[in-house]
Protein backbone atom coordinates (compact mmCIF):
# COMPACT_ATOMS: atom_id res chain seq x y z
CA UNK A 1 24.40 -23.44 -20.11
CA UNK A 2 24.01 -19.67 -19.09
CA UNK A 3 20.23 -19.39 -20.96
CA UNK A 4 19.05 -21.71 -18.62
CA UNK A 5 20.98 -20.36 -15.79
CA UNK A 6 19.01 -16.69 -16.92
CA UNK A 7 15.90 -18.68 -17.12
CA UNK A 8 15.83 -20.01 -13.47
CA UNK A 9 17.52 -16.43 -12.33
CA UNK A 10 14.27 -13.93 -13.89
CA UNK A 11 11.28 -16.97 -12.75
CA UNK A 12 12.71 -16.71 -9.46
CA UNK A 13 13.16 -12.97 -9.35
CA UNK A 14 9.88 -12.78 -10.92
CA UNK A 15 8.32 -15.43 -8.71
CA UNK A 16 9.50 -13.87 -5.38
CA UNK A 17 7.65 -10.67 -6.22
CA UNK A 18 4.44 -11.95 -6.02
CA UNK A 19 4.66 -15.15 -3.65
CA UNK A 20 6.21 -14.32 -0.08
CA UNK A 21 7.24 -17.59 2.09
CA UNK A 22 7.52 -16.29 6.14
CA UNK A 23 6.37 -17.08 9.36
CA UNK A 24 3.81 -14.76 9.48
CA UNK A 25 1.44 -16.02 12.17
CA UNK A 26 4.73 -16.29 14.91
CA UNK A 27 4.31 -19.93 15.24
CA UNK A 28 7.94 -20.97 14.01
CA UNK A 29 6.47 -22.53 10.65
CA UNK A 30 6.58 -20.88 7.50
CA UNK A 31 3.83 -19.36 5.79
CA UNK A 32 2.50 -18.23 2.22
CA UNK A 33 1.26 -15.21 0.83
CA UNK A 34 0.84 -14.58 -2.66
CA UNK A 35 -0.70 -12.49 -5.34
CA UNK A 36 -3.37 -14.39 -7.34
CA UNK A 37 -3.43 -11.94 -10.33
CA UNK A 38 -6.17 -13.83 -12.38
CA UNK A 39 -8.28 -13.35 -9.76
CA UNK A 40 -7.03 -10.36 -8.43
CA UNK A 41 -6.46 -11.12 -5.04
CA UNK A 42 -4.13 -11.83 -2.17
CA UNK A 43 -4.36 -14.96 -0.67
CA UNK A 44 -2.59 -16.18 2.51
CA UNK A 45 -2.11 -19.93 3.57
CA UNK A 46 -1.55 -19.74 7.70
CA UNK A 47 -0.44 -22.85 9.36
CA UNK A 48 -2.20 -21.58 12.41
CA UNK A 49 -5.21 -21.85 10.12
CA UNK A 50 -4.15 -25.38 8.47
CA UNK A 51 -2.87 -23.84 5.38
CA UNK A 52 -6.77 -23.12 4.39
CA UNK A 53 -6.48 -20.63 1.64
CA UNK A 54 -8.08 -17.60 2.51
CA UNK A 55 -8.50 -14.49 0.08
CA UNK A 56 -8.61 -10.75 -0.06
CA UNK A 57 -11.08 -8.47 -1.18
CA UNK A 58 -10.85 -7.49 -4.81
CA UNK A 59 -7.97 -5.19 -5.93
CA UNK A 60 -8.32 -4.14 -9.08
CA UNK A 61 -4.97 -2.09 -9.44
CA UNK A 62 -2.78 -5.29 -9.79
CA UNK A 63 -2.54 -4.74 -13.22
CA UNK A 64 0.44 -2.40 -12.42
CA UNK A 65 3.86 -3.31 -11.30
CA UNK A 66 3.05 -5.13 -8.17
CA UNK A 67 5.20 -6.97 -5.32
CA UNK A 68 5.10 -8.70 -1.87
CA UNK A 69 7.67 -7.45 0.61
CA UNK A 70 9.04 -8.56 3.78
CA UNK A 71 8.45 -6.62 6.54
CA UNK A 72 10.18 -6.99 10.41
CA UNK A 73 6.78 -7.85 11.66
CA UNK A 74 4.81 -8.85 8.82
CA UNK A 75 4.80 -8.12 5.16
CA UNK A 76 3.81 -4.84 2.63
CA UNK A 77 1.68 -5.03 -0.73
CA UNK A 78 3.10 -2.71 -2.76
CA UNK A 79 1.42 -1.44 -6.72
CA UNK A 80 3.54 1.11 -8.55
CA UNK A 81 1.92 2.83 -11.54
CA UNK A 82 4.02 5.35 -13.83
CA UNK A 83 3.41 7.98 -11.86
CA UNK A 84 1.75 7.27 -8.48
CA UNK A 85 1.63 4.06 -6.51
CA UNK A 86 0.13 3.14 -3.02
CA UNK A 87 1.47 0.38 -0.65
CA UNK A 88 0.07 -1.81 2.59
CA UNK A 89 1.67 -2.92 5.45
CA UNK A 90 0.39 -6.07 6.82
CA UNK A 91 0.83 -7.70 9.97
CA UNK A 92 -0.49 -11.48 12.12
CA UNK A 93 -2.89 -9.98 15.07
CA UNK A 94 -2.08 -12.55 17.77
CA UNK A 95 -5.36 -11.93 19.54
CA UNK A 96 -7.95 -11.70 16.75
CA UNK A 97 -5.65 -14.76 14.91
CA UNK A 98 -5.82 -13.02 11.96
CA UNK A 99 -4.03 -10.66 9.60
CA UNK A 100 -4.15 -7.29 10.35
CA UNK A 101 -3.72 -4.32 7.79
CA UNK A 102 -1.99 -1.74 10.10
CA UNK A 103 -0.70 0.97 7.41
CA UNK A 104 -0.98 2.75 4.12
CA UNK A 105 1.27 5.03 2.23
CA UNK A 106 0.97 6.52 -0.89
CA UNK A 107 2.84 9.51 -3.73
CA UNK A 108 2.05 10.98 -6.72
CA UNK A 109 4.04 12.96 -8.81
CA UNK A 110 1.13 14.65 -10.28
CA UNK A 111 0.64 15.82 -13.97
CA UNK A 112 3.90 17.51 -16.32
CA UNK A 113 3.82 20.57 -13.50
CA UNK A 114 3.68 18.56 -10.61
CA UNK A 115 0.49 19.91 -9.03
CA UNK A 116 -0.71 17.66 -6.60
CA UNK A 117 3.15 15.85 -6.23
CA UNK A 118 3.64 14.06 -2.74
CA UNK A 119 3.37 11.38 -0.42
CA UNK A 120 1.31 10.16 2.49
CA UNK A 121 1.25 7.49 5.25
CA UNK A 122 -1.55 6.87 8.18
CA UNK A 123 -0.95 4.54 10.87
CA UNK A 124 -3.90 2.28 11.07
CA UNK A 125 -3.13 1.31 14.70
CA UNK A 126 -2.85 4.56 16.09
CA UNK A 127 -4.54 7.01 13.42
CA UNK A 128 -1.44 9.52 12.93
CA UNK A 129 -2.03 10.82 9.09
CA UNK A 130 1.46 12.81 7.96
CA UNK A 131 0.87 14.38 4.27
CA UNK A 132 3.43 16.00 2.60
CA UNK A 133 2.32 17.91 -0.51
CA UNK A 134 2.85 20.11 -3.39
CA UNK A 135 0.53 22.15 -5.35
CA UNK A 136 1.62 23.88 -8.60
CA UNK A 137 0.52 27.91 -8.11
CA UNK A 138 0.02 29.38 -12.00
CA UNK A 139 -0.19 33.23 -11.14
CA UNK A 140 3.65 32.39 -9.49
CA UNK A 141 4.60 29.78 -12.11
CA UNK A 142 5.94 27.37 -9.04
CA UNK A 143 5.81 24.47 -7.15
CA UNK A 144 4.21 25.12 -3.31
CA UNK A 145 5.35 23.11 -0.93
CA UNK A 146 2.55 22.82 1.55
CA UNK A 147 3.27 22.61 5.02
CA UNK A 148 3.46 18.90 6.46
CA UNK A 149 -0.52 17.92 7.39
CA UNK A 150 -0.29 15.83 10.78
CA UNK A 151 -3.62 14.54 11.97
CA UNK A 152 -5.68 12.07 13.13
CA UNK A 153 -7.42 9.57 10.56
CA UNK A 154 -9.78 6.93 11.36
CA UNK A 155 -10.20 3.93 9.30
CA UNK A 156 -12.19 1.11 9.85
CA UNK A 157 -10.29 -1.61 11.32
CA UNK A 158 -9.69 -3.97 8.18
CA UNK A 159 -8.79 -7.55 8.32
CA UNK A 160 -6.99 -9.92 5.35
CA UNK A 161 -10.73 -11.21 4.31
CA UNK A 162 -12.16 -7.89 4.44
CA UNK A 163 -9.04 -6.04 2.46
CA UNK A 164 -10.46 -4.90 -1.22
CA UNK A 165 -9.57 -2.04 -3.53
CA UNK A 166 -12.24 0.47 -1.58
CA UNK A 167 -10.09 0.45 1.26
CA UNK A 168 -7.09 2.05 -0.85
CA UNK A 169 -9.87 4.30 -2.45
CA UNK A 170 -11.29 5.58 0.94
CA UNK A 171 -8.00 6.82 2.54
CA UNK A 172 -6.96 8.46 -1.42
CA UNK A 173 -10.19 10.01 -1.34
CA UNK A 174 -9.94 11.03 2.32
CA UNK A 175 -5.96 12.18 1.42
CA UNK A 176 -7.18 14.14 -1.23
CA UNK A 177 -9.67 16.10 0.34
CA UNK A 178 -7.22 16.99 2.98
CA UNK A 179 -4.45 18.33 0.34
CA UNK A 180 -7.15 20.27 -1.56
CA UNK A 181 -8.55 22.09 1.92
CA UNK A 182 -5.05 23.12 2.38
CA UNK A 183 -4.23 24.38 -1.20
CA UNK A 184 -7.51 26.62 -1.24
CA UNK A 185 -6.42 27.83 2.24
CA UNK A 186 -2.83 29.05 0.94
CA UNK A 187 -4.36 29.69 -2.55
CA UNK A 188 -6.55 32.63 -0.14
CA UNK A 189 -3.51 33.88 1.78
CA UNK A 190 -1.35 34.39 -1.26
């Protein structure tokens, strides 16, 4: 009797991580968002769109540890690997009548010496970017904290159908450039 319950519990746990049933479009009817790992896409079925299947662009990194989480005003896609990961937050835009990417965050632990470790986030509605990074100083043989980076980072408005790995890659590249610039500035001072 315990084995079927355990199988049911584990399958529900796995199912809950890759499928979200919630009123995303705020019309009082539950919608479905799920991860289609076979085709490397997110899928939405919204009641306001007559449950028409809408696919995101390709997300190659769905081979990591992937989950969908409900948030107070939408949902979040989390993708984690062994030493890095990112999250993308979405919510329904009532004016556009589409799901919109509203924020992204990422973290890295870096290599064994933690060079490049830290985290960052960007609010895509305001353009506010916050980066909290570290670098390893080979001369001092210690991890140095880079002062918090607060800047404006304007990225293109992105809706569900247009969301893909390239959006996250663009953000990661801008993030890495900011990190490297600040790291070089600190190394020149020391």
